[in-house]
Every structure is written in C-alpha cells, then in structure tokens.
Amino acid sequence: MTDISELLRTLLDQFSNTAELDEEFHRLLQSDDDLAADYKSWCREHGYRSSTGYRDFINEIVESQDSIWDSYHEFGNDI
C-alpha cells in the first residue's frame, strides 16, 4: 500500500503548492490503478472526499507551515 501522505509531501517539496502538483498527482492516479485505490482508502480513513482530499491535505500542510512561521515571528524572531 502506498503512503499517500508521504507521496503528497514529496510532491509538495518537488512542485511547491502549484497547479503542477495537482497535474502530477492526477497523472499518477490515472496511470496507476493500485495508487488510485490506495488514495480512495486513504481518503476514507482520513475523512476526506476523493475529489478534494489531496488538495485539503496539501492546504493543511501549508497552513501548518505558515502557522509555525507566524509563531516564530510573534516571539520577535526575525530572519
């Protein structure tokens, strides 16, 4: 079984939060039936809808990273 969370983190690192990430993830799902099945299971397990689950997960990661930086700056730490 494919670790969808890890795959999405890798794609985010590779493509940043761009349309290219969306395109690549959709390409991967269309080219690999096992991955598509794993993705649907992952969505069910995490309470996501299949149509938006990957995007919701990516957005959660990005928001979490933004929150970390906001906290860092809140305590007077400027880079």
PDB file of N, CA and C in Angstrom:
ATOM      1  N   MET A   1       0.841  -1.181   0.000  1.00  0.00           N
ATOM      2  CA  MET A   1       0.000   0.000   0.000  1.00  0.00           C
ATOM      3  C   MET A   1       0.885   1.242   0.000  1.00  0.00           C
ATOM      4  N   THR A   2       0.548   2.187  -0.830  1.00  0.00           N
ATOM      5  CA  THR A   2       1.296   3.434  -0.964  1.00  0.00           C
ATOM      6  C   THR A   2       0.970   4.365   0.189  1.00  0.00           C
ATOM      7  N   ASP A   3       1.984   4.993   0.760  1.00  0.00           N
ATOM      8  CA  ASP A   3       1.782   6.002   1.794  1.00  0.00           C
ATOM      9  C   ASP A   3       1.419   7.314   1.097  1.00  0.00           C
ATOM     10  N   ILE A   4       0.134   7.579   1.003  1.00  0.00           N
ATOM     11  CA  ILE A   4      -0.356   8.747   0.269  1.00  0.00           C
ATOM     12  C   ILE A   4       0.124  10.045   0.929  1.00  0.00           C
ATOM     13  N   SER A   5       0.118  10.089   2.244  1.00  0.00           N
ATOM     14  CA  SER A   5       0.578  11.297   2.944  1.00  0.00           C
ATOM     15  C   SER A   5       2.019  11.616   2.560  1.00  0.00           C
ATOM     16  N   GLU A   6       2.856  10.613   2.547  1.00  0.00           N
ATOM     17  CA  GLU A   6       4.265  10.822   2.188  1.00  0.00           C
ATOM     18  C   GLU A   6       4.411  11.218   0.723  1.00  0.00           C
ATOM     19  N   LEU A   7       3.638  10.575  -0.140  1.00  0.00           N
ATOM     20  CA  LEU A   7       3.659  10.925  -1.562  1.00  0.00           C
ATOM     21  C   LEU A   7       3.280  12.391  -1.751  1.00  0.00           C
ATOM     22  N   LEU A   8       2.249  12.832  -1.074  1.00  0.00           N
ATOM     23  CA  LEU A   8       1.817  14.224  -1.212  1.00  0.00           C
ATOM     24  C   LEU A   8       2.850  15.194  -0.654  1.00  0.00           C
ATOM     25  N   ARG A   9       3.500  14.834   0.452  1.00  0.00           N
ATOM     26  CA  ARG A   9       4.578  15.687   0.985  1.00  0.00           C
ATOM     27  C   ARG A   9       5.736  15.781  -0.014  1.00  0.00           C
ATOM     28  N   THR A  10       6.063  14.669  -0.642  1.00  0.00           N
ATOM     29  CA  THR A  10       7.132  14.659  -1.638  1.00  0.00           C
ATOM     30  C   THR A  10       6.771  15.533  -2.832  1.00  0.00           C
ATOM     31  N   LEU A  11       5.535  15.418  -3.302  1.00  0.00           N
ATOM     32  CA  LEU A  11       5.096  16.254  -4.420  1.00  0.00           C
ATOM     33  C   LEU A  11       5.101  17.732  -4.032  1.00  0.00           C
ATOM     34  N   LEU A  12       4.712  18.036  -2.798  1.00  0.00           N
ATOM     35  CA  LEU A  12       4.741  19.420  -2.338  1.00  0.00           C
ATOM     36  C   LEU A  12       6.167  19.954  -2.313  1.00  0.00           C
ATOM     37  N   ASP A  13       7.102  19.150  -1.849  1.00  0.00           N
ATOM     38  CA  ASP A  13       8.513  19.552  -1.858  1.00  0.00           C
ATOM     39  C   ASP A  13       9.012  19.766  -3.286  1.00  0.00           C
ATOM     40  N   GLN A  14       8.591  18.910  -4.190  1.00  0.00           N
ATOM     41  CA  GLN A  14       9.072  18.957  -5.560  1.00  0.00           C
ATOM     42  C   GLN A  14       8.435  20.078  -6.378  1.00  0.00           C
ATOM     43  N   PHE A  15       7.128  20.275  -6.223  1.00  0.00           N
ATOM     44  CA  PHE A  15       6.405  21.208  -7.087  1.00  0.00           C
ATOM     45  C   PHE A  15       5.914  22.463  -6.368  1.00  0.00           C
ATOM     46  N   SER A  16       6.126  22.533  -5.052  1.00  0.00           N
ATOM     47  CA  SER A  16       5.553  23.599  -4.236  1.00  0.00           C
ATOM     48  C   SER A  16       4.037  23.526  -4.371  1.00  0.00           C
ATOM     49  N   ASN A  17       3.349  24.519  -3.874  1.00  0.00           N
ATOM     50  CA  ASN A  17       1.889  24.486  -3.888  1.00  0.00           C
ATOM     51  C   ASN A  17       1.391  25.123  -5.181  1.00  0.00           C
ATOM     52  N   THR A  18       1.526  24.389  -6.283  1.00  0.00           N
ATOM     53  CA  THR A  18       1.236  24.917  -7.613  1.00  0.00           C
ATOM     54  C   THR A  18       0.291  23.994  -8.373  1.00  0.00           C
ATOM     55  N   ALA A  19      -0.169  24.480  -9.490  1.00  0.00           N
ATOM     56  CA  ALA A  19      -1.011  23.662 -10.378  1.00  0.00           C
ATOM     57  C   ALA A  19      -0.238  22.449 -10.882  1.00  0.00           C
ATOM     58  N   GLU A  20       1.085  22.556 -10.982  1.00  0.00           N
ATOM     59  CA  GLU A  20       1.892  21.413 -11.426  1.00  0.00           C
ATOM     60  C   GLU A  20       1.759  20.242 -10.457  1.00  0.00           C
ATOM     61  N   LEU A  21       1.658  20.519  -9.159  1.00  0.00           N
ATOM     62  CA  LEU A  21       1.457  19.465  -8.172  1.00  0.00           C
ATOM     63  C   LEU A  21       0.130  18.759  -8.463  1.00  0.00           C
ATOM     64  N   ASP A  22      -0.932  19.538  -8.684  1.00  0.00           N
ATOM     65  CA  ASP A  22      -2.232  18.950  -8.984  1.00  0.00           C
ATOM     66  C   ASP A  22      -2.163  18.087 -10.235  1.00  0.00           C
ATOM     67  N   GLU A  23      -1.545  18.611 -11.269  1.00  0.00           N
ATOM     68  CA  GLU A  23      -1.437  17.877 -12.536  1.00  0.00           C
ATOM     69  C   GLU A  23      -0.662  16.577 -12.359  1.00  0.00           C
ATOM     70  N   GLU A  24       0.446  16.633 -11.633  1.00  0.00           N
ATOM     71  CA  GLU A  24       1.261  15.439 -11.433  1.00  0.00           C
ATOM     72  C   GLU A  24       0.517  14.389 -10.614  1.00  0.00           C
ATOM     73  N   PHE A  25      -0.173  14.823  -9.564  1.00  0.00           N
ATOM     74  CA  PHE A  25      -0.910  13.865  -8.750  1.00  0.00           C
ATOM     75  C   PHE A  25      -2.022  13.206  -9.567  1.00  0.00           C
ATOM     76  N   HIS A  26      -2.739  13.981 -10.342  1.00  0.00           N
ATOM     77  CA  HIS A  26      -3.788  13.403 -11.194  1.00  0.00           C
ATOM     78  C   HIS A  26      -3.189  12.459 -12.230  1.00  0.00           C
ATOM     79  N   ARG A  27      -2.039  12.818 -12.783  1.00  0.00           N
ATOM     80  CA  ARG A  27      -1.374  11.947 -13.755  1.00  0.00           C
ATOM     81  C   ARG A  27      -1.004  10.615 -13.106  1.00  0.00           C
ATOM     82  N   LEU A  28      -0.465  10.680 -11.892  1.00  0.00           N
ATOM     83  CA  LEU A  28      -0.090   9.460 -11.183  1.00  0.00           C
ATOM     84  C   LEU A  28      -1.307   8.579 -10.914  1.00  0.00           C
ATOM     85  N   LEU A  29      -2.405   9.191 -10.489  1.00  0.00           N
ATOM     86  CA  LEU A  29      -3.619   8.417 -10.208  1.00  0.00           C
ATOM     87  C   LEU A  29      -4.163   7.751 -11.474  1.00  0.00           C
ATOM     88  N   GLN A  30      -4.125   8.457 -12.587  1.00  0.00           N
ATOM     89  CA  GLN A  30      -4.657   7.913 -13.838  1.00  0.00           C
ATOM     90  C   GLN A  30      -3.786   6.795 -14.398  1.00  0.00           C
ATOM     91  N   SER A  31      -2.502   6.828 -14.076  1.00  0.00           N
ATOM     92  CA  SER A  31      -1.592   5.839 -14.650  1.00  0.00           C
ATOM     93  C   SER A  31      -1.392   4.610 -13.763  1.00  0.00           C
ATOM     94  N   ASP A  32      -1.939   4.627 -12.547  1.00  0.00           N
ATOM     95  CA  ASP A  32      -1.690   3.531 -11.614  1.00  0.00           C
ATOM     96  C   ASP A  32      -2.977   3.202 -10.843  1.00  0.00           C
ATOM     97  N   ASP A  33      -3.633   2.119 -11.223  1.00  0.00           N
ATOM     98  CA  ASP A  33      -4.890   1.730 -10.584  1.00  0.00           C
ATOM     99  C   ASP A  33      -4.713   1.402  -9.102  1.00  0.00           C
ATOM    100  N   ASP A  34      -3.575   0.797  -8.740  1.00  0.00           N
ATOM    101  CA  ASP A  34      -3.322   0.477  -7.332  1.00  0.00           C
ATOM    102  C   ASP A  34      -3.193   1.753  -6.503  1.00  0.00           C
ATOM    103  N   LEU A  35      -2.496   2.740  -7.055  1.00  0.00           N
ATOM    104  CA  LEU A  35      -2.356   4.018  -6.367  1.00  0.00           C
ATOM    105  C   LEU A  35      -3.722   4.679  -6.203  1.00  0.00           C
ATOM    106  N   ALA A  36      -4.540   4.635  -7.231  1.00  0.00           N
ATOM    107  CA  ALA A  36      -5.883   5.222  -7.159  1.00  0.00           C
ATOM    108  C   ALA A  36      -6.709   4.550  -6.063  1.00  0.00           C
ATOM    109  N   ALA A  37      -6.608   3.235  -5.953  1.00  0.00           N
ATOM    110  CA  ALA A  37      -7.336   2.501  -4.914  1.00  0.00           C
ATOM    111  C   ALA A  37      -6.801   2.863  -3.526  1.00  0.00           C
ATOM    112  N   ASP A  38      -5.468   2.973  -3.414  1.00  0.00           N
ATOM    113  CA  ASP A  38      -4.863   3.366  -2.144  1.00  0.00           C
ATOM    114  C   ASP A  38      -5.301   4.771  -1.748  1.00  0.00           C
ATOM    115  N   TYR A  39      -5.386   5.645  -2.721  1.00  0.00           N
ATOM    116  CA  TYR A  39      -5.820   7.017  -2.465  1.00  0.00           C
ATOM    117  C   TYR A  39      -7.261   7.048  -1.950  1.00  0.00           C
ATOM    118  N   LYS A  40      -8.140   6.282  -2.562  1.00  0.00           N
ATOM    119  CA  LYS A  40      -9.533   6.244  -2.111  1.00  0.00           C
ATOM    120  C   LYS A  40      -9.628   5.715  -0.679  1.00  0.00           C
ATOM    121  N   SER A  41      -8.833   4.694  -0.356  1.00  0.00           N
ATOM    122  CA  SER A  41      -8.800   4.168   1.011  1.00  0.00           C
ATOM    123  C   SER A  41      -8.276   5.215   1.982  1.00  0.00           C
ATOM    124  N   TRP A  42      -7.210   5.898   1.580  1.00  0.00           N
ATOM    125  CA  TRP A  42      -6.617   6.951   2.406  1.00  0.00           C
ATOM    126  C   TRP A  42      -7.643   8.039   2.685  1.00  0.00           C
ATOM    127  N   CYS A  43      -8.378   8.432   1.677  1.00  0.00           N
ATOM    128  CA  CYS A  43      -9.413   9.457   1.854  1.00  0.00           C
ATOM    129  C   CYS A  43     -10.458   9.003   2.871  1.00  0.00           C
ATOM    130  N   ARG A  44     -10.917   7.771   2.729  1.00  0.00           N
ATOM    131  CA  ARG A  44     -11.918   7.248   3.672  1.00  0.00           C
ATOM    132  C   ARG A  44     -11.360   7.237   5.093  1.00  0.00           C
ATOM    133  N   GLU A  45     -10.136   6.776   5.251  1.00  0.00           N
ATOM    134  CA  GLU A  45      -9.522   6.676   6.582  1.00  0.00           C
ATOM    135  C   GLU A  45      -9.332   8.040   7.247  1.00  0.00           C
ATOM    136  N   HIS A  46      -9.101   9.077   6.439  1.00  0.00           N
ATOM    137  CA  HIS A  46      -8.818  10.402   6.981  1.00  0.00           C
ATOM    138  C   HIS A  46     -10.007  11.361   6.896  1.00  0.00           C
ATOM    139  N   GLY A  47     -11.134  10.869   6.409  1.00  0.00           N
ATOM    140  CA  GLY A  47     -12.337  11.687   6.355  1.00  0.00           C
ATOM    141  C   GLY A  47     -12.356  12.716   5.236  1.00  0.00           C
ATOM    142  N   TYR A  48     -11.607  12.454   4.183  1.00  0.00           N
ATOM    143  CA  TYR A  48     -11.584  13.346   3.020  1.00  0.00           C
ATOM    144  C   TYR A  48     -12.500  12.817   1.928  1.00  0.00           C
ATOM    145  N   ARG A  49     -12.966  13.720   1.087  1.00  0.00           N
ATOM    146  CA  ARG A  49     -13.668  13.310  -0.136  1.00  0.00           C
ATOM    147  C   ARG A  49     -12.606  13.008  -1.188  1.00  0.00           C
ATOM    148  N   SER A  50     -12.839  12.007  -2.002  1.00  0.00           N
ATOM    149  CA  SER A  50     -11.857  11.617  -3.024  1.00  0.00           C
ATOM    150  C   SER A  50     -11.556  12.751  -3.995  1.00  0.00           C
ATOM    151  N   SER A  51     -12.553  13.560  -4.283  1.00  0.00           N
ATOM    152  CA  SER A  51     -12.358  14.623  -5.274  1.00  0.00           C
ATOM    153  C   SER A  51     -11.473  15.752  -4.763  1.00  0.00           C
ATOM    154  N   THR A  52     -11.406  15.948  -3.454  1.00  0.00           N
ATOM    155  CA  THR A  52     -10.643  17.085  -2.917  1.00  0.00           C
ATOM    156  C   THR A  52      -9.662  16.709  -1.810  1.00  0.00           C
ATOM    157  N   GLY A  53      -9.580  15.453  -1.471  1.00  0.00           N
ATOM    158  CA  GLY A  53      -8.763  15.028  -0.329  1.00  0.00           C
ATOM    159  C   GLY A  53      -7.308  15.421  -0.415  1.00  0.00           C
ATOM    160  N   TYR A  54      -6.697  15.198  -1.564  1.00  0.00           N
ATOM    161  CA  TYR A  54      -5.279  15.524  -1.700  1.00  0.00           C
ATOM    162  C   TYR A  54      -5.065  17.023  -1.534  1.00  0.00           C
ATOM    163  N   ARG A  55      -5.958  17.831  -2.097  1.00  0.00           N
ATOM    164  CA  ARG A  55      -5.832  19.290  -2.031  1.00  0.00           C
ATOM    165  C   ARG A  55      -6.064  19.765  -0.602  1.00  0.00           C
ATOM    166  N   ASP A  56      -7.049  19.180   0.103  1.00  0.00           N
ATOM    167  CA  ASP A  56      -7.294  19.530   1.502  1.00  0.00           C
ATOM    168  C   ASP A  56      -6.068  19.218   2.350  1.00  0.00           C
ATOM    169  N   PHE A  57      -5.449  18.063   2.113  1.00  0.00           N
ATOM    170  CA  PHE A  57      -4.258  17.665   2.859  1.00  0.00           C
ATOM    171  C   PHE A  57      -3.105  18.635   2.592  1.00  0.00           C
ATOM    172  N   ILE A  58      -2.889  18.975   1.332  1.00  0.00           N
ATOM    173  CA  ILE A  58      -1.829  19.921   0.971  1.00  0.00           C
ATOM    174  C   ILE A  58      -2.074  21.265   1.655  1.00  0.00           C
ATOM    175  N   ASN A  59      -3.302  21.741   1.610  1.00  0.00           N
ATOM    176  CA  ASN A  59      -3.628  23.019   2.237  1.00  0.00           C
ATOM    177  C   ASN A  59      -3.384  22.984   3.740  1.00  0.00           C
ATOM    178  N   GLU A  60      -3.685  21.855   4.381  1.00  0.00           N
ATOM    179  CA  GLU A  60      -3.423  21.716   5.811  1.00  0.00           C
ATOM    180  C   GLU A  60      -1.920  21.809   6.100  1.00  0.00           C
ATOM    181  N   ILE A  61      -1.114  21.184   5.275  1.00  0.00           N
ATOM    182  CA  ILE A  61       0.347  21.254   5.460  1.00  0.00           C
ATOM    183  C   ILE A  61       0.823  22.695   5.319  1.00  0.00           C
ATOM    184  N   VAL A  62       0.390  23.366   4.278  1.00  0.00           N
ATOM    185  CA  VAL A  62       0.816  24.744   4.019  1.00  0.00           C
ATOM    186  C   VAL A  62       0.381  25.656   5.162  1.00  0.00           C
ATOM    187  N   GLU A  63      -0.863  25.508   5.620  1.00  0.00           N
ATOM    188  CA  GLU A  63      -1.350  26.325   6.725  1.00  0.00           C
ATOM    189  C   GLU A  63      -0.558  26.050   7.999  1.00  0.00           C
ATOM    190  N   SER A  64      -0.198  24.804   8.220  1.00  0.00           N
ATOM    191  CA  SER A  64       0.592  24.440   9.390  1.00  0.00           C
ATOM    192  C   SER A  64       1.977  25.098   9.330  1.00  0.00           C
ATOM    193  N   GLN A  65       2.587  25.073   8.155  1.00  0.00           N
ATOM    194  CA  GLN A  65       3.906  25.705   7.997  1.00  0.00           C
ATOM    195  C   GLN A  65       3.806  27.211   8.209  1.00  0.00           C
ATOM    196  N   ASP A  66       2.746  27.828   7.679  1.00  0.00           N
ATOM    197  CA  ASP A  66       2.537  29.265   7.875  1.00  0.00           C
ATOM    198  C   ASP A  66       2.365  29.587   9.353  1.00  0.00           C
ATOM    199  N   SER A  67       1.646  28.723  10.066  1.00  0.00           N
ATOM    200  CA  SER A  67       1.406  28.928  11.488  1.00  0.00           C
ATOM    201  C   SER A  67       2.710  28.873  12.277  1.00  0.00           C
ATOM    202  N   ILE A  68       3.586  27.969  11.895  1.00  0.00           N
ATOM    203  CA  ILE A  68       4.889  27.861  12.568  1.00  0.00           C
ATOM    204  C   ILE A  68       5.669  29.152  12.385  1.00  0.00           C
ATOM    205  N   TRP A  69       5.693  29.681  11.165  1.00  0.00           N
ATOM    206  CA  TRP A  69       6.418  30.936  10.903  1.00  0.00           C
ATOM    207  C   TRP A  69       5.774  32.106  11.620  1.00  0.00           C
ATOM    208  N   ASP A  70       4.442  32.131  11.677  1.00  0.00           N
ATOM    209  CA  ASP A  70       3.752  33.201  12.390  1.00  0.00           C
ATOM    210  C   ASP A  70       4.133  33.186  13.870  1.00  0.00           C
ATOM    211  N   SER A  71       4.175  31.997  14.457  1.00  0.00           N
ATOM    212  CA  SER A  71       4.567  31.875  15.860  1.00  0.00           C
ATOM    213  C   SER A  71       6.017  32.306  16.062  1.00  0.00           C
ATOM    214  N   TYR A  72       6.857  31.941  15.146  1.00  0.00           N
ATOM    215  CA  TYR A  72       8.271  32.300  15.213  1.00  0.00           C
ATOM    216  C   TYR A  72       8.429  33.822  15.232  1.00  0.00           C
ATOM    217  N   HIS A  73       7.714  34.497  14.340  1.00  0.00           N
ATOM    218  CA  HIS A  73       7.786  35.952  14.257  1.00  0.00           C
ATOM    219  C   HIS A  73       7.101  36.630  15.440  1.00  0.00           C
ATOM    220  N   GLU A  74       6.067  35.995  15.973  1.00  0.00           N
ATOM    221  CA  GLU A  74       5.318  36.557  17.097  1.00  0.00           C
ATOM    222  C   GLU A  74       6.229  36.753  18.314  1.00  0.00           C
ATOM    223  N   PHE A  75       7.209  35.888  18.469  1.00  0.00           N
ATOM    224  CA  PHE A  75       8.108  35.969  19.607  1.00  0.00           C
ATOM    225  C   PHE A  75       9.364  36.775  19.317  1.00  0.00           C
ATOM    226  N   GLY A  76       9.287  37.623  18.270  1.00  0.00           N
ATOM    227  CA  GLY A  76      10.379  38.545  17.982  1.00  0.00           C
ATOM    228  C   GLY A  76      11.558  37.954  17.239  1.00  0.00           C
ATOM    229  N   ASN A  77      11.368  36.851  16.631  1.00  0.00           N
ATOM    230  CA  ASN A  77      12.444  36.215  15.872  1.00  0.00           C
ATOM    231  C   ASN A  77      12.288  36.561  14.397  1.00  0.00           C
ATOM    232  N   ASP A  78      13.063  37.492  13.939  1.00  0.00           N
ATOM    233  CA  ASP A  78      13.026  37.860  12.525  1.00  0.00           C
ATOM    234  C   ASP A  78      14.277  37.351  11.837  1.00  0.00           C
ATOM    235  N   ILE A  79      14.058  36.909  10.630  1.00  0.00           N
ATOM    236  CA  ILE A  79      15.193  36.376   9.853  1.00  0.00           C
ATOM    237  C   ILE A  79      15.752  37.480   9.004  1.00  0.00           C
TER     238      ILE A  79
END
